[in-house]
Amino acid sequence: MLQEKRTGDFDLDGTLVNISANFMAAANAFFRSLGHGDMLGADNTPTVFHGGESM
């Protein structure tokens, strides 16, 4: 029997450099839809700004 699983995929290779605030807002919306609340804030901006290499 197959189970439904909800997932989210994000491209973190640095191409989102200029939209880190939008990325975090979208990610937080996704987290809220799963019942987790906001998980990213201003203190995460440096990490998001530098893409996947910094993560």
Protein backbone atom coordinates (compact mmCIF):
# COMPACT_ATOMS: atom_id res chain seq x y z
CA MET A 1 0.00 0.00 0.00
CA LEU A 2 1.33 3.44 -0.91
CA GLN A 3 1.40 6.25 1.62
CA GLU A 4 1.00 9.88 0.68
CA LYS A 5 3.96 12.00 1.77
CA ARG A 6 4.17 15.78 1.51
CA THR A 7 7.57 17.12 0.56
CA GLY A 8 9.16 20.38 -0.49
CA ASP A 9 12.18 20.88 -2.73
CA PHE A 10 14.38 23.94 -2.76
CA ASP A 11 17.25 24.83 -5.08
CA LEU A 12 20.06 26.01 -2.79
CA ASP A 13 22.97 26.33 -5.19
CA GLY A 14 23.35 30.09 -4.78
CA THR A 15 20.96 31.16 -7.54
CA LEU A 16 18.60 32.55 -4.90
CA VAL A 17 21.17 35.07 -3.67
CA ASN A 18 19.07 38.18 -4.32
CA ILE A 19 15.80 36.78 -3.03
CA SER A 20 16.78 35.37 0.37
CA ALA A 21 13.87 37.14 2.12
CA ASN A 22 11.39 35.77 -0.43
CA PHE A 23 12.92 32.31 -0.12
CA MET A 24 12.60 32.37 3.66
CA ALA A 25 8.98 33.58 3.42
CA ALA A 26 8.14 30.75 1.02
CA ALA A 27 9.92 28.19 3.16
CA ASN A 28 8.14 29.44 6.29
CA ALA A 29 4.78 29.23 4.49
CA PHE A 30 5.60 25.62 3.64
CA PHE A 31 6.62 24.87 7.24
CA ARG A 32 3.40 26.48 8.53
CA SER A 33 1.33 24.35 6.13
CA LEU A 34 2.85 21.31 7.82
CA GLY A 35 2.03 22.70 11.26
CA HIS A 36 5.60 23.58 12.24
CA GLY A 37 5.32 27.38 12.35
CA ASP A 38 8.05 29.69 11.08
CA MET A 39 11.45 28.01 11.22
CA LEU A 40 13.56 30.64 9.42
CA GLY A 41 14.17 34.21 10.57
CA ALA A 42 16.51 37.16 10.07
CA ASP A 43 19.36 35.27 11.75
CA ASN A 44 19.23 32.75 8.84
CA THR A 45 19.73 35.42 6.15
CA PRO A 46 23.54 35.00 5.91
CA THR A 47 23.17 31.25 5.37
CA VAL A 48 20.41 31.58 2.78
CA PHE A 49 22.25 34.46 1.07
CA HIS A 50 25.27 32.23 0.41
CA GLY A 51 23.29 29.29 -0.96
CA GLY A 52 23.84 25.59 -0.48
CA GLU A 53 27.62 25.79 -0.01
CA SER A 54 27.18 27.61 3.30
CA MET A 55 24.59 25.12 4.47
